[in-house]
């Protein structure tokens, strides 16, 4: 089977020990109980989506209003994320990573061979 390579981008954003997971709706917990120590992890199909998610995540954690942008500037997002991390470098962290994933593509139809 032939392979096609696709790209995926992961974003990891967190504050340890302040990381939390919303447990609303889980049996035995009150709404909005949190579990400490878990980062926010997301997977994106484009680099622009990953940078936009990092921008939104940092702005949310800082209490800043979201900025709708037509085009995201990765350098500006890195400066914002680094400034956020500099506020508490021992516990805050972020990472955007690119991945190349080989995907098997099934052969759906074969070329018709001439019969003699």
Protein backbone atom coordinates (compact mmCIF):
# COMPACT_ATOMS: atom_id res chain seq x y z
CA UNK A 1 0.00 0.00 0.00
CA UNK A 2 1.30 3.49 -0.75
CA UNK A 3 1.90 6.01 2.02
CA UNK A 4 1.05 9.67 2.17
CA UNK A 5 2.64 11.97 4.73
CA UNK A 6 0.39 14.40 6.61
CA UNK A 7 1.32 17.08 9.13
CA UNK A 8 -0.12 17.51 12.60
CA UNK A 9 0.73 20.05 15.28
CA UNK A 10 0.43 19.55 19.03
CA UNK A 11 0.11 22.29 21.62
CA UNK A 12 0.93 21.71 25.28
CA UNK A 13 0.08 24.56 27.67
CA UNK A 14 0.16 24.34 31.43
CA UNK A 15 0.94 25.65 34.88
CA UNK A 16 2.10 23.10 37.40
CA UNK A 17 0.80 22.69 40.12
CA UNK A 18 -2.05 24.97 39.00
CA UNK A 19 -3.05 22.80 36.03
CA UNK A 20 -6.64 21.73 36.25
CA UNK A 21 -9.23 19.66 34.48
CA UNK A 22 -12.91 20.56 34.65
CA UNK A 23 -14.74 17.55 36.12
CA UNK A 24 -18.25 18.92 35.66
CA UNK A 25 -20.72 16.10 35.20
CA UNK A 26 -18.52 13.33 36.65
CA UNK A 27 -20.38 11.21 39.24
CA UNK A 28 -19.40 12.00 42.80
CA UNK A 29 -18.02 15.47 42.07
CA UNK A 30 -19.59 18.86 42.32
CA UNK A 31 -19.75 20.91 39.15
CA UNK A 32 -16.44 22.58 38.33
CA UNK A 33 -14.26 20.53 40.68
CA UNK A 34 -10.72 20.42 39.36
CA UNK A 35 -7.95 17.84 39.28
CA UNK A 36 -4.50 19.46 39.74
CA UNK A 37 -1.48 18.63 37.63
CA UNK A 38 -2.79 18.14 34.08
CA UNK A 39 -1.72 20.28 31.11
CA UNK A 40 -3.96 21.34 28.26
CA UNK A 41 -3.05 19.32 25.15
CA UNK A 42 -4.56 19.85 21.71
CA UNK A 43 -3.86 18.59 18.19
CA UNK A 44 -4.22 20.82 15.12
CA UNK A 45 -4.14 20.22 11.39
CA UNK A 46 -2.29 23.45 10.54
CA UNK A 47 0.48 25.42 12.20
CA UNK A 48 -1.68 28.55 12.08
CA UNK A 49 -4.42 26.78 14.09
CA UNK A 50 -1.86 25.70 16.71
CA UNK A 51 -0.43 29.23 17.07
CA UNK A 52 -3.96 30.67 17.24
CA UNK A 53 -4.85 28.17 20.02
CA UNK A 54 -1.69 29.11 21.96
CA UNK A 55 -2.57 32.81 21.64
CA UNK A 56 -6.12 32.17 22.86
CA UNK A 57 -4.94 29.91 25.71
CA UNK A 58 -2.41 32.43 27.03
CA UNK A 59 -4.87 35.31 26.72
CA UNK A 60 -7.50 33.31 28.63
CA UNK A 61 -5.05 32.46 31.43
CA UNK A 62 -3.99 36.12 31.68
CA UNK A 63 -7.54 37.44 31.70
CA UNK A 64 -6.95 39.28 28.42
CA UNK A 65 -9.68 39.65 25.84
CA UNK A 66 -9.30 37.49 22.73
CA UNK A 67 -8.16 39.26 19.60
CA UNK A 68 -9.71 38.10 16.38
CA UNK A 69 -7.03 38.19 13.74
CA UNK A 70 -7.23 37.45 10.09
CA UNK A 71 -3.72 36.12 10.04
CA UNK A 72 -1.75 34.94 13.06
CA UNK A 73 1.85 36.11 13.59
CA UNK A 74 3.81 33.24 15.21
CA UNK A 75 6.55 35.62 16.42
CA UNK A 76 4.01 37.80 18.25
CA UNK A 77 2.41 34.72 19.82
CA UNK A 78 5.84 33.46 20.97
CA UNK A 79 6.56 36.85 22.58
CA UNK A 80 3.18 36.79 24.36
CA UNK A 81 3.64 33.18 25.54
CA UNK A 82 7.20 33.86 26.70
CA UNK A 83 6.06 36.95 28.62
CA UNK A 84 3.32 34.86 30.28
CA UNK A 85 5.85 32.16 31.18
CA UNK A 86 8.32 34.76 32.53
CA UNK A 87 5.75 35.64 35.21
CA UNK A 88 6.40 32.26 36.85
CA UNK A 89 9.05 30.32 34.90
CA UNK A 90 9.25 27.52 37.46
CA UNK A 91 5.67 26.38 36.90
CA UNK A 92 4.43 27.73 33.54
CA UNK A 93 5.23 26.02 30.26
CA UNK A 94 4.12 25.83 26.63
CA UNK A 95 5.22 23.95 23.50
CA UNK A 96 4.10 23.75 19.88
CA UNK A 97 5.49 20.70 18.04
CA UNK A 98 5.17 19.70 14.39
CA UNK A 99 4.73 16.03 13.46
CA UNK A 100 4.91 14.28 10.09
CA UNK A 101 2.70 11.21 10.11
CA UNK A 102 2.83 8.53 7.41
CA UNK A 103 -0.69 7.36 6.58
CA UNK A 104 -1.41 4.23 4.51
CA UNK A 105 -3.63 5.05 1.56
CA UNK A 106 -5.56 2.07 0.21
CA UNK A 107 -5.63 1.55 -3.52
CA UNK A 108 -9.24 2.10 -4.48
CA UNK A 109 -9.11 1.21 -8.13
CA UNK A 110 -6.52 -0.31 -10.39
CA UNK A 111 -5.78 0.87 -13.87
CA UNK A 112 -7.54 -1.26 -16.44
CA UNK A 113 -5.07 -3.47 -18.26
CA UNK A 114 -5.58 -4.04 -21.95
CA UNK A 115 -6.69 -7.60 -22.70
CA UNK A 116 -5.49 -9.20 -25.97
